[in-house]
Amino acid sequence: MEMDQPHYSDANFTMRLSYGFVDDDTSTTGLQNFFTTMPSLLDKVAQSNTIEEYKLEPNIKDLFEKGDFGPYKDKASNEMQLCFLTNNDITGGNSGSPMFNGKGELIGLAFDGNWDAMSNDISYTQDLTRCIGVDIRYVLYIIDRWGGAERLIKEINAQ
């Protein structure tokens, strides 16, 4: 369709570099903090009798409730941070892309966008667009504590 007109890049078929900043969401849903924590996940799990999507396998739930997050919890907030928001563009195949901080350190993986970001195929709006990334510390925690793959953590020299 409209092959003679320029279109927004599709990350499924192009290399693309995007930059942005970690930022709260102040869209139509009201102010949302830029990160989520384990207590917020456990609050949802507590509703799993009525909301099917909030169910967890018992062994995962037990692991989370134990609260032994060791080196994976955030040192500033002392919380296990799960996901975070940035004002990066998330469209056209970015899911799974690495997210780096200003020092080039891997901090997460992009996986979704807020509802307001869905219009980015047409026009990017920095004030509304939020990319949702899973915190790499949470990924490492799952690999280590739930997956029992401490050897992988050592092999990749995760810090």
N, C-alpha and C. Protein backbone atom coordinates (compact mmCIF):
# COMPACT_ATOMS: atom_id res chain seq x y z
N MET A 1 0.84 -1.17 0.00
CA MET A 1 0.00 0.00 0.00
C MET A 1 0.89 1.24 0.00
N GLU A 2 0.62 2.17 -0.83
CA GLU A 2 1.32 3.44 -0.92
C GLU A 2 2.84 3.25 -0.96
N MET A 3 3.31 2.36 -1.81
CA MET A 3 4.72 2.03 -1.91
C MET A 3 5.58 3.22 -2.35
N ASP A 4 4.98 4.19 -2.99
CA ASP A 4 5.72 5.35 -3.47
C ASP A 4 5.93 6.42 -2.39
N GLN A 5 5.35 6.21 -1.19
CA GLN A 5 5.47 7.19 -0.11
C GLN A 5 6.38 6.65 1.00
N PRO A 6 7.11 7.54 1.65
CA PRO A 6 7.96 7.08 2.77
C PRO A 6 7.10 6.63 3.95
N HIS A 7 7.55 5.60 4.62
CA HIS A 7 6.85 5.08 5.80
C HIS A 7 7.82 4.95 6.96
N TYR A 8 7.26 4.89 8.13
CA TYR A 8 8.03 4.73 9.35
C TYR A 8 8.80 3.41 9.30
N SER A 9 10.03 3.38 9.80
CA SER A 9 10.84 2.17 9.80
C SER A 9 10.16 1.04 10.55
N ASP A 10 10.36 -0.16 10.08
CA ASP A 10 9.85 -1.36 10.72
C ASP A 10 11.05 -2.11 11.27
N ALA A 11 11.14 -2.23 12.59
CA ALA A 11 12.31 -2.85 13.22
C ALA A 11 12.44 -4.33 12.87
N ASN A 12 11.40 -4.94 12.31
CA ASN A 12 11.52 -6.33 11.89
C ASN A 12 12.48 -6.48 10.71
N PHE A 13 12.67 -5.43 9.95
CA PHE A 13 13.48 -5.53 8.74
C PHE A 13 14.60 -4.49 8.66
N THR A 14 14.77 -3.67 9.70
CA THR A 14 15.80 -2.64 9.65
C THR A 14 16.55 -2.59 10.97
N MET A 15 17.80 -2.16 10.90
CA MET A 15 18.54 -1.86 12.12
C MET A 15 18.13 -0.44 12.53
N ARG A 16 17.90 -0.25 13.81
CA ARG A 16 17.45 1.05 14.26
C ARG A 16 17.98 1.30 15.66
N LEU A 17 18.40 2.50 15.94
CA LEU A 17 18.84 2.90 17.26
C LEU A 17 17.92 4.00 17.73
N SER A 18 17.44 3.84 18.94
CA SER A 18 16.55 4.82 19.53
C SER A 18 17.12 5.22 20.88
N TYR A 19 16.85 6.41 21.31
CA TYR A 19 17.28 6.80 22.65
C TYR A 19 16.13 7.51 23.33
N GLY A 20 16.15 7.47 24.63
CA GLY A 20 15.11 8.12 25.41
C GLY A 20 15.52 8.17 26.87
N PHE A 21 14.57 8.46 27.70
CA PHE A 21 14.82 8.62 29.13
C PHE A 21 13.80 7.84 29.93
N VAL A 22 14.23 7.31 31.07
CA VAL A 22 13.30 6.69 32.01
C VAL A 22 12.38 7.80 32.48
N ASP A 23 11.06 7.52 32.48
CA ASP A 23 10.12 8.59 32.77
C ASP A 23 8.80 8.02 33.28
N ASP A 24 8.16 8.76 34.17
CA ASP A 24 6.82 8.39 34.64
C ASP A 24 5.83 8.51 33.48
N ASP A 25 4.66 7.93 33.67
CA ASP A 25 3.57 8.04 32.69
C ASP A 25 2.53 8.98 33.26
N THR A 26 2.24 10.04 32.53
CA THR A 26 1.23 11.00 32.99
C THR A 26 0.08 11.09 31.99
N SER A 27 -0.23 9.98 31.36
CA SER A 27 -1.28 9.99 30.34
C SER A 27 -2.66 9.99 30.99
N THR A 28 -3.65 9.58 30.23
CA THR A 28 -5.05 9.64 30.66
C THR A 28 -5.34 8.77 31.88
N THR A 29 -4.46 7.82 32.20
CA THR A 29 -4.68 6.97 33.38
C THR A 29 -4.21 7.63 34.66
N GLY A 30 -3.65 8.81 34.57
CA GLY A 30 -3.12 9.50 35.73
C GLY A 30 -1.65 9.15 35.92
N LEU A 31 -1.02 9.73 36.91
CA LEU A 31 0.40 9.54 37.13
C LEU A 31 0.70 8.09 37.50
N GLN A 32 1.59 7.47 36.75
CA GLN A 32 2.08 6.12 37.03
C GLN A 32 3.59 6.22 37.24
N ASN A 33 4.08 5.68 38.33
CA ASN A 33 5.51 5.68 38.61
C ASN A 33 6.25 4.98 37.48
N PHE A 34 7.52 5.30 37.29
CA PHE A 34 8.28 4.74 36.17
C PHE A 34 8.67 3.29 36.38
N PHE A 35 8.48 2.73 37.58
CA PHE A 35 8.82 1.31 37.77
C PHE A 35 7.75 0.59 38.58
N THR A 36 7.69 -0.71 38.40
CA THR A 36 6.81 -1.56 39.20
C THR A 36 7.68 -2.42 40.10
N THR A 37 7.10 -2.90 41.19
CA THR A 37 7.84 -3.67 42.18
C THR A 37 7.15 -4.99 42.48
N MET A 38 7.86 -5.85 43.18
CA MET A 38 7.29 -7.15 43.54
C MET A 38 6.00 -7.03 44.35
N PRO A 39 5.90 -6.10 45.33
CA PRO A 39 4.61 -5.99 46.03
C PRO A 39 3.43 -5.72 45.09
N SER A 40 3.66 -4.93 44.03
CA SER A 40 2.55 -4.67 43.10
C SER A 40 2.16 -5.94 42.35
N LEU A 41 3.13 -6.79 42.05
CA LEU A 41 2.82 -8.07 41.40
C LEU A 41 2.07 -8.97 42.37
N LEU A 42 2.52 -9.04 43.62
CA LEU A 42 1.85 -9.88 44.61
C LEU A 42 0.43 -9.39 44.91
N ASP A 43 0.21 -8.08 44.82
CA ASP A 43 -1.15 -7.54 44.97
C ASP A 43 -2.06 -8.09 43.88
N LYS A 44 -1.54 -8.19 42.67
CA LYS A 44 -2.33 -8.76 41.58
C LYS A 44 -2.56 -10.25 41.78
N VAL A 45 -1.53 -10.96 42.21
CA VAL A 45 -1.65 -12.40 42.46
C VAL A 45 -2.74 -12.66 43.51
N ALA A 46 -2.87 -11.76 44.48
CA ALA A 46 -3.91 -11.91 45.51
C ALA A 46 -5.31 -11.86 44.91
N GLN A 47 -5.44 -11.29 43.71
CA GLN A 47 -6.74 -11.22 43.03
C GLN A 47 -6.95 -12.37 42.04
N SER A 48 -6.07 -13.35 42.07
CA SER A 48 -6.10 -14.41 41.05
C SER A 48 -7.31 -15.32 41.13
N ASN A 49 -8.03 -15.29 42.23
CA ASN A 49 -9.26 -16.10 42.29
C ASN A 49 -10.34 -15.54 41.38
N THR A 50 -10.27 -14.23 41.12
CA THR A 50 -11.28 -13.61 40.27
C THR A 50 -10.74 -13.18 38.90
N ILE A 51 -9.43 -13.03 38.80
CA ILE A 51 -8.83 -12.61 37.52
C ILE A 51 -7.83 -13.67 37.08
N GLU A 52 -8.21 -14.45 36.13
CA GLU A 52 -7.41 -15.59 35.67
C GLU A 52 -5.99 -15.22 35.27
N GLU A 53 -5.82 -14.06 34.62
CA GLU A 53 -4.50 -13.65 34.13
C GLU A 53 -3.51 -13.39 35.26
N TYR A 54 -3.98 -13.26 36.48
CA TYR A 54 -3.10 -12.96 37.61
C TYR A 54 -2.60 -14.21 38.33
N LYS A 55 -2.96 -15.38 37.84
CA LYS A 55 -2.53 -16.61 38.49
C LYS A 55 -1.07 -16.90 38.22
N LEU A 56 -0.40 -17.42 39.24
CA LEU A 56 0.99 -17.86 39.13
C LEU A 56 1.08 -19.31 39.58
N GLU A 57 2.05 -20.01 39.05
CA GLU A 57 2.32 -21.36 39.54
C GLU A 57 2.70 -21.25 41.01
N PRO A 58 2.27 -22.19 41.85
CA PRO A 58 2.56 -22.08 43.28
C PRO A 58 4.04 -21.93 43.61
N ASN A 59 4.92 -22.62 42.89
CA ASN A 59 6.34 -22.51 43.21
C ASN A 59 6.89 -21.11 42.91
N ILE A 60 6.37 -20.46 41.89
CA ILE A 60 6.80 -19.08 41.59
C ILE A 60 6.25 -18.13 42.65
N LYS A 61 4.99 -18.30 43.00
CA LYS A 61 4.38 -17.46 44.03
C LYS A 61 5.15 -17.59 45.35
N ASP A 62 5.48 -18.81 45.74
CA ASP A 62 6.23 -19.03 46.98
C ASP A 62 7.59 -18.33 46.93
N LEU A 63 8.25 -18.44 45.79
CA LEU A 63 9.55 -17.80 45.61
C LEU A 63 9.45 -16.29 45.78
N PHE A 64 8.44 -15.69 45.14
CA PHE A 64 8.25 -14.24 45.21
C PHE A 64 7.92 -13.80 46.64
N GLU A 65 7.04 -14.58 47.31
CA GLU A 65 6.62 -14.22 48.66
C GLU A 65 7.76 -14.34 49.67
N LYS A 66 8.71 -15.22 49.41
CA LYS A 66 9.86 -15.38 50.30
C LYS A 66 10.65 -14.07 50.38
N GLY A 67 10.69 -13.34 49.28
CA GLY A 67 11.32 -12.02 49.28
C GLY A 67 12.84 -12.01 49.33
N ASP A 68 13.47 -13.12 49.05
CA ASP A 68 14.93 -13.18 49.06
C ASP A 68 15.43 -12.82 47.66
N PHE A 69 15.62 -11.51 47.44
CA PHE A 69 16.01 -11.04 46.12
C PHE A 69 17.50 -10.79 45.99
N GLY A 70 18.21 -10.89 47.12
CA GLY A 70 19.66 -10.80 47.11
C GLY A 70 20.20 -9.64 46.31
N PRO A 71 21.16 -9.92 45.42
CA PRO A 71 21.82 -8.85 44.67
C PRO A 71 20.95 -8.26 43.56
N TYR A 72 19.77 -8.82 43.36
CA TYR A 72 18.92 -8.38 42.25
C TYR A 72 18.00 -7.22 42.61
N LYS A 73 17.82 -6.94 43.90
CA LYS A 73 16.94 -5.82 44.26
C LYS A 73 17.66 -4.50 44.04
N ASP A 74 16.89 -3.47 43.81
CA ASP A 74 17.43 -2.14 43.56
C ASP A 74 18.02 -1.58 44.85
N LYS A 75 19.24 -1.11 44.77
CA LYS A 75 19.92 -0.61 45.97
C LYS A 75 19.34 0.71 46.46
N ALA A 76 18.83 1.54 45.58
CA ALA A 76 18.28 2.84 45.98
C ALA A 76 16.91 2.68 46.66
N SER A 77 16.02 1.88 46.07
CA SER A 77 14.67 1.72 46.62
C SER A 77 14.55 0.53 47.55
N ASN A 78 15.54 -0.36 47.54
CA ASN A 78 15.54 -1.60 48.32
C ASN A 78 14.36 -2.50 47.93
N GLU A 79 13.88 -2.36 46.71
CA GLU A 79 12.77 -3.14 46.19
C GLU A 79 13.23 -4.01 45.03
N MET A 80 12.52 -5.08 44.79
CA MET A 80 12.73 -5.87 43.57
C MET A 80 11.93 -5.18 42.48
N GLN A 81 12.62 -4.48 41.59
CA GLN A 81 11.93 -3.78 40.50
C GLN A 81 11.73 -4.74 39.33
N LEU A 82 10.53 -4.71 38.76
CA LEU A 82 10.17 -5.66 37.71
C LEU A 82 10.25 -5.05 36.32
N CYS A 83 9.57 -3.94 36.15
CA CYS A 83 9.49 -3.30 34.83
C CYS A 83 9.67 -1.80 35.02
N PHE A 84 10.00 -1.13 33.92
CA PHE A 84 10.18 0.32 33.99
C PHE A 84 9.72 0.94 32.68
N LEU A 85 9.48 2.23 32.73
CA LEU A 85 8.99 2.98 31.57
C LEU A 85 10.06 3.93 31.06
N THR A 86 10.11 4.06 29.73
CA THR A 86 10.95 5.08 29.10
C THR A 86 10.09 5.79 28.06
N ASN A 87 10.58 6.91 27.57
CA ASN A 87 9.85 7.59 26.50
C ASN A 87 10.39 7.19 25.13
N ASN A 88 11.02 6.02 25.05
CA ASN A 88 11.47 5.49 23.75
C ASN A 88 10.30 5.12 22.88
N ASP A 89 10.55 5.09 21.60
CA ASP A 89 9.57 4.62 20.63
C ASP A 89 9.53 3.10 20.69
N ILE A 90 8.34 2.52 20.75
CA ILE A 90 8.19 1.06 20.75
C ILE A 90 7.16 0.72 19.68
N THR A 91 7.66 0.45 18.52
CA THR A 91 6.74 0.13 17.43
C THR A 91 7.43 -0.72 16.38
N GLY A 92 6.68 -1.48 15.67
CA GLY A 92 7.19 -2.19 14.50
C GLY A 92 8.29 -3.20 14.74
N GLY A 93 8.21 -4.00 15.80
CA GLY A 93 9.16 -5.09 15.97
C GLY A 93 10.26 -4.87 16.98
N ASN A 94 10.11 -3.92 17.88
CA ASN A 94 11.15 -3.67 18.88
C ASN A 94 11.14 -4.66 20.04
N SER A 95 10.09 -5.41 20.22
CA SER A 95 10.00 -6.29 21.39
C SER A 95 11.20 -7.21 21.48
N GLY A 96 11.77 -7.27 22.68
CA GLY A 96 12.96 -8.08 22.92
C GLY A 96 14.25 -7.33 22.72
N SER A 97 14.17 -6.09 22.25
CA SER A 97 15.38 -5.30 22.03
C SER A 97 16.03 -4.93 23.35
N PRO A 98 17.37 -4.92 23.38
CA PRO A 98 18.06 -4.52 24.60
C PRO A 98 17.89 -3.04 24.86
N MET A 99 17.88 -2.68 26.14
CA MET A 99 17.80 -1.29 26.57
C MET A 99 19.03 -1.01 27.43
N PHE A 100 19.79 0.01 27.07
CA PHE A 100 21.04 0.34 27.75
C PHE A 100 20.92 1.68 28.45
N ASN A 101 21.71 1.84 29.50
CA ASN A 101 21.78 3.15 30.14
C ASN A 101 22.86 3.98 29.46
N GLY A 102 23.11 5.18 29.95
CA GLY A 102 24.09 6.08 29.34
C GLY A 102 25.52 5.58 29.40
N LYS A 103 25.78 4.57 30.22
CA LYS A 103 27.12 3.98 30.32
C LYS A 103 27.28 2.76 29.42
N GLY A 104 26.22 2.43 28.66
CA GLY A 104 26.27 1.26 27.79
C GLY A 104 26.00 -0.05 28.52
N GLU A 105 25.45 0.01 29.73
CA GLU A 105 25.14 -1.18 30.50
C GLU A 105 23.72 -1.64 30.21
N LEU A 106 23.54 -2.94 30.04
CA LEU A 106 22.22 -3.50 29.78
C LEU A 106 21.36 -3.32 31.03
N ILE A 107 20.22 -2.64 30.89
CA ILE A 107 19.33 -2.43 32.03
C ILE A 107 17.98 -3.12 31.85
N GLY A 108 17.66 -3.54 30.63
CA GLY A 108 16.37 -4.18 30.43
C GLY A 108 16.15 -4.62 29.00
N LEU A 109 14.95 -5.17 28.79
CA LEU A 109 14.52 -5.61 27.46
C LEU A 109 13.15 -5.00 27.17
N ALA A 110 13.03 -4.34 26.04
CA ALA A 110 11.75 -3.73 25.64
C ALA A 110 10.76 -4.84 25.31
N PHE A 111 9.51 -4.67 25.75
CA PHE A 111 8.53 -5.69 25.40
C PHE A 111 7.14 -5.17 25.09
N ASP A 112 6.85 -3.92 25.39
CA ASP A 112 5.50 -3.44 25.13
C ASP A 112 5.49 -1.92 25.18
N GLY A 113 4.33 -1.36 24.93
CA GLY A 113 4.14 0.08 25.05
C GLY A 113 2.81 0.36 25.71
N ASN A 114 2.67 1.54 26.25
CA ASN A 114 1.37 1.91 26.81
C ASN A 114 0.36 2.11 25.68
N TRP A 115 -0.88 2.20 26.03
CA TRP A 115 -1.93 2.33 25.02
C TRP A 115 -1.70 3.55 24.13
N ASP A 116 -1.26 4.64 24.73
CA ASP A 116 -1.03 5.87 23.98
C ASP A 116 0.09 5.73 22.95
N ALA A 117 0.96 4.73 23.12
CA ALA A 117 2.07 4.53 22.19
C ALA A 117 1.64 3.83 20.91
N MET A 118 0.45 3.30 20.89
CA MET A 118 0.02 2.53 19.72
C MET A 118 -0.13 3.40 18.47
N SER A 119 -0.24 4.69 18.64
CA SER A 119 -0.36 5.59 17.48
C SER A 119 1.01 5.91 16.87
N ASN A 120 2.08 5.38 17.45
CA ASN A 120 3.43 5.72 16.97
C ASN A 120 3.71 5.27 15.56
N ASP A 121 2.95 4.33 15.04
CA ASP A 121 3.13 3.95 13.64
C ASP A 121 2.86 5.14 12.73
N ILE A 122 2.07 6.07 13.22
CA ILE A 122 1.71 7.25 12.44
C ILE A 122 2.52 8.46 12.89
N SER A 123 2.58 8.68 14.22
CA SER A 123 3.26 9.86 14.73
C SER A 123 3.73 9.62 16.16
N TYR A 124 5.02 9.82 16.41
CA TYR A 124 5.60 9.66 17.74
C TYR A 124 5.28 10.88 18.59
N THR A 125 4.82 10.66 19.80
CA THR A 125 4.49 11.74 20.72
C THR A 125 5.24 11.51 22.02
N GLN A 126 6.30 12.26 22.25
CA GLN A 126 7.18 12.05 23.39
C GLN A 126 6.45 12.16 24.73
N ASP A 127 5.49 13.05 24.84
CA ASP A 127 4.78 13.24 26.11
C ASP A 127 3.87 12.08 26.46
N LEU A 128 3.39 11.35 25.45
CA LEU A 128 2.45 10.25 25.70
C LEU A 128 3.06 8.87 25.60
N THR A 129 4.05 8.72 24.75
CA THR A 129 4.61 7.42 24.46
C THR A 129 5.44 6.89 25.62
N ARG A 130 5.17 5.66 26.01
CA ARG A 130 6.00 4.99 26.99
C ARG A 130 6.27 3.57 26.52
N CYS A 131 7.54 3.23 26.52
CA CYS A 131 8.00 1.89 26.23
C CYS A 131 8.12 1.16 27.57
N ILE A 132 7.62 -0.06 27.63
CA ILE A 132 7.72 -0.85 28.86
C ILE A 132 8.86 -1.84 28.69
N GLY A 133 9.79 -1.79 29.62
CA GLY A 133 10.92 -2.71 29.59
C GLY A 133 10.95 -3.55 30.85
N VAL A 134 11.33 -4.81 30.71
CA VAL A 134 11.52 -5.65 31.89
C VAL A 134 12.93 -5.37 32.41
N ASP A 135 13.03 -5.12 33.71
CA ASP A 135 14.31 -4.81 34.34
C ASP A 135 15.22 -6.04 34.24
N ILE A 136 16.45 -5.86 33.80
CA ILE A 136 17.35 -6.99 33.60
C ILE A 136 17.66 -7.70 34.92
N ARG A 137 17.58 -6.99 36.04
CA ARG A 137 17.81 -7.63 37.34
C ARG A 137 16.72 -8.65 37.63
N TYR A 138 15.49 -8.35 37.21
CA TYR A 138 14.38 -9.29 37.38
C TYR A 138 14.59 -10.51 36.48
N VAL A 139 15.04 -10.29 35.27
CA VAL A 139 15.35 -11.39 34.35
C VAL A 139 16.42 -12.29 34.97
N LEU A 140 17.48 -11.69 35.48
CA LEU A 140 18.56 -12.47 36.08
C LEU A 140 18.08 -13.22 37.33
N TYR A 141 17.23 -12.57 38.11
CA TYR A 141 16.66 -13.21 39.30
C TYR A 141 15.88 -14.47 38.90
N ILE A 142 15.05 -14.36 37.88
CA ILE A 142 14.25 -15.50 37.43
C ILE A 142 15.17 -16.62 36.92
N ILE A 143 16.17 -16.26 36.14
CA ILE A 143 17.11 -17.26 35.62
C ILE A 143 17.80 -17.98 36.78
N ASP A 144 18.24 -17.21 37.77
CA ASP A 144 19.00 -17.75 38.89
C ASP A 144 18.11 -18.51 39.88
N ARG A 145 17.14 -17.81 40.45
CA ARG A 145 16.39 -18.38 41.58
C ARG A 145 15.28 -19.33 41.17
N TRP A 146 14.55 -19.00 40.12
CA TRP A 146 13.47 -19.91 39.69
C TRP A 146 14.00 -20.96 38.74
N GLY A 147 14.82 -20.54 37.81
CA GLY A 147 15.36 -21.48 36.83
C GLY A 147 16.49 -22.34 37.37
N GLY A 148 17.06 -21.94 38.51
CA GLY A 148 18.14 -22.70 39.10
C GLY A 148 19.38 -22.74 38.24
N ALA A 149 19.59 -21.70 37.45
CA ALA A 149 20.70 -21.68 36.49
C ALA A 149 21.76 -20.68 36.92
N GLU A 150 22.20 -20.79 38.16
CA GLU A 150 23.25 -19.91 38.66
C GLU A 150 24.50 -19.98 37.78
N ARG A 151 24.74 -21.14 37.19
CA ARG A 151 25.91 -21.29 36.32
C ARG A 151 25.85 -20.34 35.12
N LEU A 152 24.64 -20.05 34.63
CA LEU A 152 24.51 -19.10 33.52
C LEU A 152 24.84 -17.67 33.97
N ILE A 153 24.41 -17.34 35.17
CA ILE A 153 24.70 -16.01 35.71
C ILE A 153 26.21 -15.84 35.81
N LYS A 154 26.91 -16.87 36.29
CA LYS A 154 28.37 -16.82 36.40
C LYS A 154 29.01 -16.77 35.01
N GLU A 155 28.47 -17.55 34.08
CA GLU A 155 29.05 -17.62 32.73
C GLU A 155 29.00 -16.28 32.01
N ILE A 156 27.91 -15.56 32.17
CA ILE A 156 27.79 -14.27 31.48
C ILE A 156 28.39 -13.14 32.31
N ASN A 157 28.87 -13.47 33.51
CA ASN A 157 29.51 -12.51 34.40
C ASN A 157 28.57 -11.33 34.71
N ALA A 158 27.32 -11.67 35.00
CA ALA A 158 26.31 -10.63 35.32
C ALA A 158 26.69 -9.93 36.61
N GLN A 159 26.55 -8.60 36.61
CA GLN A 159 26.89 -7.84 37.81
C GLN A 159 25.75 -6.97 38.24
